[in-house]
Every structure is written in structure tokens, then in C-alpha cells.
């Protein structure tokens, strides 16, 4: 269960980073 929580946190970090990159890309392309 502990490893699962760590995996979820890592997944959340990846999603956050991806969202940030997407936002920057949209800003630059606009």
C-alpha cells in the first residue's frame, strides 16, 4: 500500500508537469 501511494504521487507529479508544459505550449502558440 505504501508503494502504491508513492506511485500515485509520482503519477500526480507527471500529470502536473505535463499540464504545465501544455499550458506553456498553448501560450506560445496563441
Protein backbone atom coordinates (compact mmCIF):
# COMPACT_ATOMS: atom_id res chain seq x y z
CA UNK A 1 0.00 0.00 0.00
CA UNK A 2 2.86 2.34 0.80
CA UNK A 3 4.46 1.76 -2.60
CA UNK A 4 1.07 2.35 -4.24
CA UNK A 5 0.80 5.75 -2.55
CA UNK A 6 4.29 6.66 -3.75
CA UNK A 7 3.36 5.58 -7.27
CA UNK A 8 0.23 7.74 -7.14
CA UNK A 9 2.27 10.75 -6.02
CA UNK A 10 4.74 10.18 -8.87
CA UNK A 11 1.84 9.91 -11.32
CA UNK A 12 0.40 13.19 -9.97
CA UNK A 13 3.77 14.90 -10.44
CA UNK A 14 3.93 13.67 -14.04
CA UNK A 15 0.40 14.92 -14.75
CA UNK A 16 1.16 18.30 -13.18
CA UNK A 17 4.35 18.66 -15.21
CA UNK A 18 2.53 17.65 -18.37
CA UNK A 19 -0.25 20.15 -17.69
CA UNK A 20 2.28 22.92 -17.11
CA UNK A 21 4.07 22.10 -20.37
CA UNK A 22 0.78 22.04 -22.24
CA UNK A 23 -0.20 25.42 -20.82
CA UNK A 24 3.13 26.93 -21.89
CA UNK A 25 2.78 25.41 -25.36
CA UNK A 26 -0.71 26.85 -25.76
CA UNK A 27 0.52 30.25 -24.58
CA UNK A 28 3.37 30.26 -27.08
CA UNK A 29 1.18 29.09 -29.97
CA UNK A 30 -1.58 31.61 -29.28
